[in-house]
N, C-alpha and C. Protein backbone atom coordinates (compact mmCIF):
# COMPACT_ATOMS: atom_id res chain seq x y z
N MET A 1 116.84 112.31 60.35
CA MET A 1 117.16 112.88 61.65
C MET A 1 116.56 114.27 61.82
N ALA A 2 116.64 115.08 60.75
CA ALA A 2 116.09 116.44 60.81
C ALA A 2 114.59 116.40 61.07
N ARG A 3 113.91 115.40 60.45
CA ARG A 3 112.46 115.30 60.63
C ARG A 3 112.12 115.05 62.09
N TYR A 4 112.86 114.15 62.75
CA TYR A 4 112.59 113.85 64.15
C TYR A 4 112.95 115.02 65.06
N ARG A 5 113.98 115.77 64.66
CA ARG A 5 114.36 116.92 65.43
C ARG A 5 113.25 117.96 65.43
N LYS A 6 112.62 118.17 64.26
CA LYS A 6 111.53 119.14 64.15
C LYS A 6 110.32 118.69 64.96
N ARG A 7 110.06 117.38 64.94
CA ARG A 7 108.95 116.88 65.75
C ARG A 7 109.22 117.10 67.24
N ALA A 8 110.47 116.89 67.64
CA ALA A 8 110.82 117.11 69.03
C ALA A 8 110.66 118.57 69.41
N ILE A 9 111.06 119.47 68.52
CA ILE A 9 110.90 120.90 68.78
C ILE A 9 109.43 121.24 68.91
N ALA A 10 108.60 120.68 68.03
CA ALA A 10 107.16 120.94 68.09
C ALA A 10 106.58 120.48 69.42
N ALA A 11 107.00 119.27 69.84
CA ALA A 11 106.49 118.76 71.12
C ALA A 11 106.91 119.64 72.28
N LEU A 12 108.16 120.11 72.24
CA LEU A 12 108.64 120.99 73.30
C LEU A 12 107.89 122.31 73.30
N ALA A 13 107.61 122.81 72.10
CA ALA A 13 106.89 124.09 72.00
C ALA A 13 105.50 123.97 72.59
N VAL A 14 104.81 122.89 72.24
CA VAL A 14 103.47 122.67 72.78
C VAL A 14 103.53 122.52 74.29
N SER A 15 104.52 121.74 74.77
CA SER A 15 104.64 121.53 76.21
C SER A 15 104.89 122.84 76.93
N ALA A 16 105.75 123.68 76.36
CA ALA A 16 106.05 124.97 76.99
C ALA A 16 104.81 125.82 77.11
N VAL A 17 104.02 125.87 76.03
CA VAL A 17 102.80 126.67 76.06
C VAL A 17 101.82 126.13 77.09
N LEU A 18 101.70 124.80 77.14
CA LEU A 18 100.76 124.19 78.08
C LEU A 18 101.19 124.38 79.52
N ILE A 19 102.49 124.17 79.81
CA ILE A 19 102.97 124.28 81.17
C ILE A 19 102.79 125.69 81.70
N THR A 20 103.12 126.68 80.88
CA THR A 20 103.05 128.06 81.33
C THR A 20 101.63 128.57 81.44
N SER A 21 100.71 127.93 80.74
CA SER A 21 99.33 128.43 80.75
C SER A 21 98.39 127.61 81.63
N THR A 22 98.80 126.41 82.03
CA THR A 22 97.88 125.53 82.74
C THR A 22 97.38 126.13 84.04
N ALA A 23 98.27 126.70 84.84
CA ALA A 23 97.86 127.23 86.14
C ALA A 23 96.83 128.34 86.00
N ALA A 24 97.04 129.22 85.00
CA ALA A 24 96.13 130.36 84.84
C ALA A 24 94.89 130.00 84.05
N TYR A 25 94.98 129.00 83.16
CA TYR A 25 93.89 128.73 82.23
C TYR A 25 93.38 127.29 82.30
N ALA A 26 93.46 126.67 83.47
CA ALA A 26 93.09 125.26 83.57
C ALA A 26 91.65 125.02 83.18
N HIS A 27 90.81 126.04 83.28
CA HIS A 27 89.39 125.89 82.98
C HIS A 27 89.13 125.81 81.47
N ASP A 28 90.09 126.22 80.66
CA ASP A 28 89.85 126.28 79.22
C ASP A 28 90.40 125.02 78.55
N HIS A 29 89.63 123.93 78.57
CA HIS A 29 90.09 122.67 77.99
C HIS A 29 90.19 122.74 76.48
N ASN A 30 89.40 123.61 75.87
CA ASN A 30 89.40 123.72 74.41
C ASN A 30 90.75 124.19 73.89
N LEU A 31 91.34 125.20 74.54
CA LEU A 31 92.64 125.71 74.13
C LEU A 31 93.72 124.65 74.32
N ASN A 32 93.70 123.94 75.45
CA ASN A 32 94.68 122.89 75.68
C ASN A 32 94.55 121.77 74.67
N ARG A 33 93.31 121.44 74.28
CA ARG A 33 93.11 120.39 73.28
C ARG A 33 93.74 120.78 71.96
N ARG A 34 93.55 122.05 71.54
CA ARG A 34 94.13 122.50 70.29
C ARG A 34 95.65 122.41 70.32
N ALA A 35 96.24 122.74 71.45
CA ALA A 35 97.70 122.69 71.56
C ALA A 35 98.20 121.26 71.43
N ARG A 36 97.52 120.31 72.09
CA ARG A 36 97.95 118.92 72.01
C ARG A 36 97.82 118.39 70.59
N GLU A 37 96.77 118.78 69.90
CA GLU A 37 96.58 118.32 68.53
C GLU A 37 97.65 118.86 67.59
N GLY A 38 98.30 119.94 67.97
CA GLY A 38 99.31 120.55 67.10
C GLY A 38 100.45 119.61 66.78
N ALA A 39 100.77 118.70 67.70
CA ALA A 39 101.89 117.80 67.47
C ALA A 39 101.62 116.83 66.32
N THR A 40 100.33 116.59 65.99
CA THR A 40 100.01 115.65 64.93
C THR A 40 99.38 116.31 63.72
N ALA A 41 99.14 117.62 63.78
CA ALA A 41 98.55 118.32 62.64
C ALA A 41 99.58 118.44 61.52
N SER A 42 99.13 118.81 60.31
CA SER A 42 100.04 118.93 59.18
C SER A 42 101.12 119.96 59.45
N SER A 43 100.80 120.99 60.18
CA SER A 43 101.77 121.97 60.65
C SER A 43 101.16 122.73 61.82
N MET A 44 102.02 123.34 62.59
CA MET A 44 101.54 124.10 63.73
C MET A 44 102.29 125.42 63.78
N SER A 45 101.55 126.50 64.00
CA SER A 45 102.16 127.80 64.23
C SER A 45 101.96 128.17 65.68
N TRP A 46 102.97 128.78 66.27
CA TRP A 46 102.87 129.11 67.68
C TRP A 46 103.71 130.34 67.99
N ALA A 47 103.35 131.00 69.07
CA ALA A 47 104.11 132.15 69.55
C ALA A 47 103.89 132.26 71.05
N TYR A 48 104.90 132.77 71.74
CA TYR A 48 104.79 132.92 73.19
C TYR A 48 105.66 134.09 73.64
N TYR A 49 105.13 134.88 74.57
CA TYR A 49 105.89 135.98 75.15
C TYR A 49 105.48 136.16 76.60
N ARG A 50 106.46 136.48 77.42
CA ARG A 50 106.19 136.80 78.82
C ARG A 50 107.18 137.86 79.27
N GLY A 51 106.69 138.98 79.76
CA GLY A 51 107.60 140.02 80.21
C GLY A 51 106.94 141.39 80.24
N GLU A 52 107.77 142.41 80.24
CA GLU A 52 107.30 143.78 80.32
C GLU A 52 106.79 144.26 78.97
N LEU A 53 105.95 145.28 79.01
CA LEU A 53 105.46 145.91 77.79
C LEU A 53 106.44 146.99 77.34
N THR A 54 106.49 147.22 76.03
CA THR A 54 107.26 148.33 75.49
C THR A 54 106.37 149.57 75.49
N ASP A 55 106.85 150.63 76.08
CA ASP A 55 106.07 151.87 76.18
C ASP A 55 106.12 152.61 74.85
N LEU A 56 104.95 152.88 74.28
CA LEU A 56 104.86 153.63 73.04
C LEU A 56 104.51 155.09 73.27
N SER A 57 104.32 155.47 74.54
CA SER A 57 103.94 156.86 74.85
C SER A 57 104.73 157.35 76.05
N PRO A 58 106.05 157.45 75.92
CA PRO A 58 106.88 157.82 77.07
C PRO A 58 106.61 159.21 77.62
N LYS A 59 105.92 160.06 76.84
CA LYS A 59 105.65 161.42 77.29
C LYS A 59 104.43 161.50 78.21
N THR A 60 103.70 160.41 78.34
CA THR A 60 102.49 160.42 79.17
C THR A 60 102.54 159.28 80.18
N ASP A 61 101.82 159.45 81.28
CA ASP A 61 101.70 158.42 82.30
C ASP A 61 100.38 157.69 82.05
N ASP A 62 100.45 156.52 81.41
CA ASP A 62 99.22 155.82 81.06
C ASP A 62 99.04 154.56 81.88
N VAL A 63 97.90 153.90 81.71
CA VAL A 63 97.52 152.76 82.55
C VAL A 63 98.40 151.55 82.36
N TYR A 64 99.16 151.48 81.26
CA TYR A 64 100.01 150.33 80.99
C TYR A 64 101.42 150.46 81.56
N ASP A 65 101.79 151.63 82.02
CA ASP A 65 103.15 151.84 82.53
C ASP A 65 103.43 150.90 83.70
N GLY A 66 104.49 150.11 83.56
CA GLY A 66 104.87 149.17 84.61
C GLY A 66 104.16 147.84 84.55
N ALA A 67 103.22 147.66 83.63
CA ALA A 67 102.47 146.40 83.53
C ALA A 67 103.31 145.31 82.86
N ARG A 68 102.95 144.08 83.13
CA ARG A 68 103.58 142.91 82.51
C ARG A 68 102.50 142.09 81.82
N ALA A 69 102.93 141.29 80.85
CA ALA A 69 101.95 140.53 80.07
C ALA A 69 102.49 139.15 79.71
N THR A 70 101.57 138.23 79.54
CA THR A 70 101.85 136.92 78.96
C THR A 70 100.96 136.78 77.74
N ALA A 71 101.55 136.42 76.61
CA ALA A 71 100.78 136.27 75.37
C ALA A 71 101.16 134.95 74.70
N MET A 72 100.16 134.30 74.12
CA MET A 72 100.42 133.06 73.40
C MET A 72 99.49 132.94 72.21
N MET A 73 99.94 132.20 71.22
CA MET A 73 99.14 131.91 70.04
C MET A 73 99.40 130.48 69.61
N ILE A 74 98.34 129.78 69.24
CA ILE A 74 98.45 128.45 68.66
C ILE A 74 97.60 128.43 67.40
N GLY A 75 98.18 128.08 66.26
CA GLY A 75 97.46 128.03 65.01
C GLY A 75 97.58 126.68 64.33
N MET A 76 96.44 126.15 63.90
CA MET A 76 96.43 124.88 63.15
C MET A 76 95.08 124.75 62.46
N ASN A 77 95.07 123.97 61.40
CA ASN A 77 93.82 123.71 60.68
C ASN A 77 93.08 125.00 60.32
N LYS A 78 93.83 125.99 59.84
CA LYS A 78 93.27 127.25 59.36
C LYS A 78 92.56 128.06 60.44
N GLU A 79 92.97 127.88 61.69
CA GLU A 79 92.37 128.62 62.78
C GLU A 79 93.44 128.94 63.82
N SER A 80 93.33 130.12 64.43
CA SER A 80 94.31 130.51 65.46
C SER A 80 93.59 130.94 66.73
N THR A 81 94.19 130.61 67.86
CA THR A 81 93.70 131.07 69.15
C THR A 81 94.78 131.93 69.79
N PHE A 82 94.39 133.13 70.19
CA PHE A 82 95.29 134.07 70.87
C PHE A 82 94.80 134.28 72.29
N ARG A 83 95.73 134.42 73.21
CA ARG A 83 95.35 134.73 74.57
C ARG A 83 96.40 135.64 75.20
N VAL A 84 95.93 136.67 75.86
CA VAL A 84 96.81 137.64 76.52
C VAL A 84 96.33 137.84 77.95
N THR A 85 97.26 137.85 78.89
CA THR A 85 96.98 138.17 80.28
C THR A 85 97.83 139.37 80.68
N LEU A 86 97.22 140.35 81.32
CA LEU A 86 97.91 141.55 81.78
C LEU A 86 97.84 141.62 83.30
N ARG A 87 98.93 142.07 83.91
CA ARG A 87 98.96 142.28 85.35
C ARG A 87 99.67 143.59 85.65
N GLY A 88 99.27 144.23 86.73
CA GLY A 88 99.93 145.45 87.16
C GLY A 88 99.45 146.71 86.45
N LEU A 89 98.22 146.69 85.92
CA LEU A 89 97.67 147.90 85.31
C LEU A 89 97.36 148.94 86.39
N LYS A 90 97.44 150.20 86.02
CA LYS A 90 97.25 151.28 86.98
C LYS A 90 95.81 151.31 87.52
N GLU A 91 95.65 151.93 88.67
CA GLU A 91 94.34 152.00 89.33
C GLU A 91 93.28 152.64 88.43
N ALA A 92 93.70 153.59 87.61
CA ALA A 92 92.74 154.26 86.72
C ALA A 92 92.11 153.31 85.71
N ALA A 93 92.73 152.15 85.49
CA ALA A 93 92.21 151.19 84.51
C ALA A 93 91.15 150.26 85.08
N ILE A 94 91.05 150.19 86.40
CA ILE A 94 90.14 149.23 87.04
C ILE A 94 88.69 149.45 86.58
N HIS A 95 88.06 148.35 86.18
CA HIS A 95 86.68 148.31 85.71
C HIS A 95 86.48 149.01 84.36
N GLN A 96 87.57 149.27 83.66
CA GLN A 96 87.48 149.90 82.34
C GLN A 96 87.71 148.86 81.24
N GLN A 97 87.27 149.21 80.02
CA GLN A 97 87.42 148.34 78.85
C GLN A 97 88.51 148.90 77.94
N TYR A 98 89.33 147.99 77.39
CA TYR A 98 90.39 148.39 76.48
C TYR A 98 90.48 147.40 75.32
N GLY A 99 91.18 147.82 74.29
CA GLY A 99 91.36 146.97 73.12
C GLY A 99 92.82 146.76 72.80
N ALA A 100 93.13 145.60 72.24
CA ALA A 100 94.47 145.28 71.77
C ALA A 100 94.33 144.55 70.44
N HIS A 101 95.31 144.68 69.58
CA HIS A 101 95.24 144.09 68.24
C HIS A 101 96.58 143.50 67.84
N LEU A 102 96.55 142.53 66.93
CA LEU A 102 97.77 142.02 66.32
C LEU A 102 98.19 143.00 65.22
N HIS A 103 99.46 143.41 65.25
CA HIS A 103 99.99 144.34 64.27
C HIS A 103 101.09 143.69 63.45
N VAL A 104 101.35 144.24 62.29
CA VAL A 104 102.43 143.74 61.44
C VAL A 104 103.75 144.31 61.92
N GLY A 105 104.81 143.57 61.68
CA GLY A 105 106.14 144.03 62.07
C GLY A 105 106.39 143.84 63.55
N PRO A 106 107.61 144.14 63.98
CA PRO A 106 107.99 143.96 65.39
C PRO A 106 107.46 145.07 66.28
N CYS A 107 107.61 144.87 67.57
CA CYS A 107 107.24 145.87 68.55
C CYS A 107 108.43 146.80 68.77
N GLY A 108 108.20 148.11 68.57
CA GLY A 108 109.27 149.07 68.83
C GLY A 108 110.00 149.55 67.59
N LEU A 109 109.28 149.78 66.50
CA LEU A 109 109.88 150.35 65.30
C LEU A 109 110.21 151.82 65.52
N ALA A 110 111.20 152.32 64.78
CA ALA A 110 111.51 153.75 64.84
C ALA A 110 110.30 154.53 64.34
N ASN A 111 109.94 155.58 65.06
CA ASN A 111 108.78 156.39 64.72
C ASN A 111 109.20 157.52 63.79
N PRO A 112 108.75 157.50 62.52
CA PRO A 112 109.18 158.54 61.58
C PRO A 112 108.64 159.92 61.92
N GLU A 113 107.62 159.98 62.77
CA GLU A 113 107.02 161.26 63.15
C GLU A 113 107.61 161.85 64.43
N ASP A 114 108.31 161.02 65.19
CA ASP A 114 108.88 161.49 66.45
C ASP A 114 110.07 160.60 66.81
N ALA A 115 111.27 161.10 66.62
CA ALA A 115 112.47 160.31 66.81
C ALA A 115 112.69 159.90 68.27
N THR A 116 111.98 160.54 69.20
CA THR A 116 112.15 160.22 70.61
C THR A 116 111.25 159.06 71.05
N THR A 117 110.40 158.55 70.18
CA THR A 117 109.48 157.48 70.53
C THR A 117 109.60 156.32 69.54
N VAL A 118 108.99 155.21 69.90
CA VAL A 118 108.91 154.05 69.01
C VAL A 118 107.45 153.80 68.67
N THR A 119 107.21 152.96 67.66
CA THR A 119 105.85 152.70 67.22
C THR A 119 105.73 151.25 66.75
N VAL A 120 104.63 150.92 66.09
CA VAL A 120 104.42 149.60 65.52
C VAL A 120 103.80 149.78 64.13
N GLY A 121 103.74 148.71 63.36
CA GLY A 121 103.10 148.76 62.06
C GLY A 121 101.58 148.78 62.20
N GLY A 122 100.89 148.68 61.07
CA GLY A 122 99.43 148.69 61.09
C GLY A 122 98.84 147.37 61.52
N HIS A 123 97.52 147.33 61.57
CA HIS A 123 96.83 146.10 61.94
C HIS A 123 97.14 144.98 60.95
N TYR A 124 97.28 143.76 61.48
CA TYR A 124 97.38 142.59 60.61
C TYR A 124 95.97 142.29 60.11
N ASN A 125 95.78 142.27 58.81
CA ASN A 125 94.46 142.07 58.20
C ASN A 125 94.63 141.20 56.96
N ILE A 126 93.80 140.17 56.85
CA ILE A 126 93.94 139.23 55.74
C ILE A 126 93.18 139.65 54.49
N SER A 127 92.43 140.75 54.55
CA SER A 127 91.65 141.19 53.39
C SER A 127 92.54 141.91 52.37
N PRO A 128 92.14 141.88 51.08
CA PRO A 128 92.86 142.67 50.08
C PRO A 128 92.73 144.15 50.38
N VAL A 129 93.70 144.93 49.91
CA VAL A 129 93.68 146.37 50.13
C VAL A 129 92.94 147.07 49.00
N ASP A 130 92.03 147.97 49.36
CA ASP A 130 91.33 148.80 48.38
C ASP A 130 92.31 149.86 47.89
N GLN A 131 92.60 149.85 46.60
CA GLN A 131 93.62 150.74 46.07
C GLN A 131 93.21 152.22 46.14
N SER A 132 91.93 152.49 46.19
CA SER A 132 91.50 153.88 46.26
C SER A 132 91.63 154.46 47.67
N THR A 133 91.36 153.65 48.68
CA THR A 133 91.43 154.12 50.06
C THR A 133 92.71 153.69 50.77
N LYS A 134 93.40 152.69 50.19
CA LYS A 134 94.60 152.10 50.81
C LYS A 134 94.29 151.41 52.13
N LEU A 135 93.02 151.04 52.31
CA LEU A 135 92.60 150.33 53.50
C LEU A 135 92.12 148.92 53.14
N PRO A 136 92.15 147.98 54.08
CA PRO A 136 91.61 146.64 53.80
C PRO A 136 90.14 146.73 53.42
N THR A 137 89.70 145.85 52.53
CA THR A 137 88.31 145.88 52.08
C THR A 137 87.35 145.45 53.19
N VAL A 138 87.82 144.63 54.11
CA VAL A 138 86.98 144.19 55.24
C VAL A 138 87.78 144.38 56.53
N ILE A 139 87.18 145.07 57.48
CA ILE A 139 87.79 145.27 58.79
C ILE A 139 86.83 144.73 59.83
N SER A 140 87.16 143.60 60.42
CA SER A 140 86.28 142.96 61.40
C SER A 140 87.11 142.03 62.27
N ASN A 141 86.44 141.42 63.26
CA ASN A 141 87.14 140.48 64.13
C ASN A 141 87.31 139.11 63.47
N LYS A 142 86.96 139.01 62.18
CA LYS A 142 87.21 137.79 61.41
C LYS A 142 88.39 137.97 60.46
N THR A 143 88.74 139.21 60.18
CA THR A 143 89.88 139.48 59.30
C THR A 143 91.07 140.05 60.06
N GLU A 144 90.85 140.42 61.33
CA GLU A 144 91.91 140.91 62.19
C GLU A 144 91.82 140.20 63.54
N VAL A 145 92.85 140.38 64.36
CA VAL A 145 92.85 139.81 65.71
C VAL A 145 92.57 140.94 66.69
N TRP A 146 91.37 140.90 67.30
CA TRP A 146 90.96 141.89 68.28
C TRP A 146 90.91 141.23 69.65
N LEU A 147 91.71 141.72 70.57
CA LEU A 147 91.75 141.21 71.93
C LEU A 147 91.20 142.29 72.86
N ASN A 148 89.94 142.18 73.21
CA ASN A 148 89.27 143.17 74.04
C ASN A 148 89.20 142.67 75.48
N PHE A 149 89.46 143.53 76.43
CA PHE A 149 89.52 143.06 77.81
C PHE A 149 88.94 144.06 78.81
N HIS A 150 88.45 143.51 79.91
CA HIS A 150 87.90 144.29 81.04
C HIS A 150 88.87 144.13 82.20
N VAL A 151 89.25 145.23 82.82
CA VAL A 151 90.23 145.21 83.90
C VAL A 151 89.53 144.97 85.23
N GLY A 152 90.02 143.97 85.96
CA GLY A 152 89.44 143.63 87.26
C GLY A 152 89.91 144.54 88.37
N SER A 153 89.37 144.31 89.56
CA SER A 153 89.67 145.17 90.71
C SER A 153 91.11 145.05 91.18
N ASP A 154 91.79 143.98 90.77
CA ASP A 154 93.19 143.80 91.17
C ASP A 154 94.17 144.32 90.11
N GLY A 155 93.65 144.98 89.08
CA GLY A 155 94.52 145.53 88.04
C GLY A 155 94.98 144.52 87.02
N SER A 156 94.30 143.38 86.92
CA SER A 156 94.66 142.37 85.94
C SER A 156 93.55 142.21 84.91
N ALA A 157 93.88 141.64 83.77
CA ALA A 157 92.90 141.45 82.70
C ALA A 157 93.33 140.29 81.82
N GLN A 158 92.35 139.74 81.12
CA GLN A 158 92.63 138.61 80.23
C GLN A 158 91.75 138.74 78.99
N ALA A 159 92.30 138.41 77.84
CA ALA A 159 91.54 138.47 76.59
C ALA A 159 91.88 137.26 75.73
N THR A 160 90.87 136.74 75.04
CA THR A 160 91.05 135.61 74.13
C THR A 160 90.37 135.93 72.81
N ALA A 161 90.99 135.54 71.72
CA ALA A 161 90.40 135.71 70.39
C ALA A 161 90.67 134.47 69.56
N VAL A 162 89.65 134.00 68.86
CA VAL A 162 89.79 132.88 67.93
C VAL A 162 89.44 133.40 66.54
N VAL A 163 90.34 133.23 65.59
CA VAL A 163 90.13 133.77 64.24
C VAL A 163 90.28 132.66 63.20
N PRO A 164 89.57 132.79 62.06
CA PRO A 164 89.59 131.74 61.03
C PRO A 164 90.76 131.87 60.06
N PHE A 165 91.94 132.14 60.58
CA PHE A 165 93.15 132.21 59.75
C PHE A 165 94.36 132.06 60.65
N ILE A 166 95.50 131.80 60.02
CA ILE A 166 96.77 131.71 60.74
C ILE A 166 97.69 132.79 60.18
N PRO A 167 98.12 133.73 61.00
CA PRO A 167 98.98 134.80 60.48
C PRO A 167 100.27 134.25 59.87
N ASP A 168 100.68 134.84 58.76
CA ASP A 168 101.93 134.42 58.15
C ASP A 168 103.06 135.30 58.65
N GLY A 169 104.24 135.03 58.16
CA GLY A 169 105.38 135.85 58.54
C GLY A 169 105.96 135.44 59.87
N HIS A 170 106.86 136.25 60.37
CA HIS A 170 107.58 135.91 61.60
C HIS A 170 107.40 136.98 62.67
N GLU A 171 107.88 138.18 62.41
CA GLU A 171 107.80 139.25 63.41
C GLU A 171 106.43 139.92 63.40
N ARG A 172 105.71 139.76 64.49
CA ARG A 172 104.43 140.43 64.69
C ARG A 172 104.46 141.07 66.08
N SER A 173 103.43 141.81 66.41
CA SER A 173 103.36 142.43 67.72
C SER A 173 101.90 142.59 68.12
N ILE A 174 101.67 142.65 69.42
CA ILE A 174 100.34 142.96 69.94
C ILE A 174 100.42 144.34 70.57
N THR A 175 99.51 145.22 70.13
CA THR A 175 99.51 146.60 70.58
C THR A 175 98.30 146.87 71.46
N PHE A 176 98.53 147.58 72.56
CA PHE A 176 97.48 147.91 73.53
C PHE A 176 97.11 149.38 73.37
N HIS A 177 95.80 149.64 73.33
CA HIS A 177 95.29 150.97 73.03
C HIS A 177 94.65 151.64 74.25
N GLU A 178 94.29 152.91 74.08
CA GLU A 178 93.73 153.70 75.19
C GLU A 178 92.23 153.49 75.38
N LYS A 179 91.56 152.86 74.40
CA LYS A 179 90.11 152.68 74.48
C LYS A 179 89.74 151.26 74.03
N ALA A 180 88.46 150.95 74.16
CA ALA A 180 87.95 149.67 73.64
C ALA A 180 87.85 149.72 72.12
N THR A 181 87.91 148.56 71.49
CA THR A 181 87.82 148.49 70.03
C THR A 181 86.40 148.81 69.56
N VAL A 182 86.30 149.63 68.53
CA VAL A 182 85.00 149.97 67.94
C VAL A 182 84.54 148.82 67.05
N HIS A 183 83.40 148.22 67.39
CA HIS A 183 82.87 147.10 66.61
C HIS A 183 81.84 147.54 65.57
N HIS A 184 81.14 148.64 65.82
CA HIS A 184 80.08 149.08 64.90
C HIS A 184 80.22 150.57 64.62
N GLN A 185 80.08 150.91 63.36
CA GLN A 185 80.20 152.30 62.94
C GLN A 185 78.97 153.10 63.36
N THR A 186 79.20 154.29 63.89
CA THR A 186 78.11 155.22 64.20
C THR A 186 78.37 156.52 63.47
N GLU A 187 77.32 157.27 63.21
CA GLU A 187 77.46 158.51 62.46
C GLU A 187 78.37 159.50 63.21
N GLY A 188 79.43 159.88 62.54
CA GLY A 188 80.37 160.82 63.14
C GLY A 188 81.31 160.20 64.15
N GLY A 189 81.17 158.90 64.39
CA GLY A 189 82.00 158.23 65.39
C GLY A 189 83.29 157.69 64.80
N PRO A 190 84.16 157.14 65.64
CA PRO A 190 85.42 156.59 65.16
C PRO A 190 85.21 155.37 64.27
N ALA A 191 86.19 155.07 63.45
CA ALA A 191 86.07 153.97 62.48
C ALA A 191 86.11 152.62 63.17
N VAL A 192 85.44 151.66 62.54
CA VAL A 192 85.45 150.28 63.03
C VAL A 192 86.88 149.76 63.09
N GLY A 193 87.21 149.09 64.19
CA GLY A 193 88.53 148.52 64.36
C GLY A 193 89.51 149.43 65.08
N THR A 194 89.15 150.68 65.27
CA THR A 194 90.05 151.59 65.98
C THR A 194 89.80 151.51 67.49
N ALA A 195 90.82 151.95 68.24
CA ALA A 195 90.70 151.91 69.70
C ALA A 195 91.52 153.02 70.35
N GLY A 196 91.65 154.12 69.67
CA GLY A 196 92.40 155.23 70.23
C GLY A 196 93.90 155.06 70.05
N ALA A 197 94.65 155.85 70.81
CA ALA A 197 96.11 155.90 70.66
C ALA A 197 96.77 154.57 71.02
N LYS A 198 97.92 154.32 70.40
CA LYS A 198 98.75 153.16 70.72
C LYS A 198 99.60 153.51 71.94
N LEU A 199 99.42 152.77 73.02
CA LEU A 199 100.11 153.12 74.26
C LEU A 199 101.23 152.16 74.64
N ALA A 200 101.09 150.89 74.28
CA ALA A 200 102.12 149.91 74.64
C ALA A 200 102.04 148.72 73.68
N CYS A 201 103.10 147.92 73.66
CA CYS A 201 103.09 146.75 72.79
C CYS A 201 103.99 145.66 73.35
N LEU A 202 103.86 144.48 72.79
CA LEU A 202 104.75 143.37 73.11
C LEU A 202 105.08 142.62 71.83
N PRO A 203 106.26 142.02 71.74
CA PRO A 203 106.63 141.27 70.55
C PRO A 203 105.97 139.90 70.54
N LEU A 204 105.58 139.44 69.37
CA LEU A 204 105.00 138.11 69.25
C LEU A 204 105.54 137.47 67.97
N ASP A 205 106.67 136.83 68.07
CA ASP A 205 107.30 136.18 66.92
C ASP A 205 106.60 134.85 66.65
N ILE A 206 106.04 134.71 65.44
CA ILE A 206 105.25 133.52 65.08
C ILE A 206 106.15 132.52 64.37
N HIS A 207 106.15 131.30 64.87
CA HIS A 207 106.97 130.22 64.31
C HIS A 207 106.04 129.15 63.72
N THR A 208 106.46 128.55 62.64
CA THR A 208 105.71 127.46 62.02
C THR A 208 106.59 126.24 61.92
N ILE A 209 106.09 125.11 62.42
CA ILE A 209 106.82 123.86 62.39
C ILE A 209 106.04 122.85 61.56
N PRO A 210 106.50 122.54 60.33
CA PRO A 210 105.78 121.58 59.48
C PRO A 210 106.00 120.15 59.95
N ASN A 211 105.05 119.30 59.67
CA ASN A 211 105.15 117.88 59.96
C ASN A 211 105.40 117.15 58.65
N ARG A 212 106.62 116.79 58.38
CA ARG A 212 106.99 116.17 57.10
C ARG A 212 107.10 114.66 57.24
N ASP A 213 105.98 114.00 57.00
CA ASP A 213 105.99 112.53 57.07
C ASP A 213 106.52 111.93 55.78
């Protein structure tokens, strides 16, 4: 009975993701195909969020203030697809580029540097940590989830990322930054994978449903 219950939950999860995304993403048949296949894969990981962003910079008036977002993730067969849609970005953001990343831990951790604000953990990265630098050995869009987006004239934006891994754990978050993600190192420039200050975030709890035949 438990096995059938889990299958039913998986089917409902896939249906929920598909129903909520079909109107906005009907053109992307590849994403819908992956979701449908999840019901028969060995296991499926998924996450979904819809609502307001958590403000990480309450002392400043930034482009994310008052914005809402929809985020989803589907993972199977050692690959994950992430998609985020933003609406209600400030006028100053129109026609600008920004970056967002998957971070470890939940959205809205206590900030040890400023008790009046909240923060998030570091980037989720699948590479081993270099013990001398305390940084991941590889920082790229293959070892991390980078969601880069261009804001349209109506203040909305959409970003999609496909990565060759499925994040583990449960509590994760997507963090929105003040600049676009740096893809290539330049002399004296910011480090690869950075995108300026953390301005807002949303929770993305990742669930895994095994198929136990």
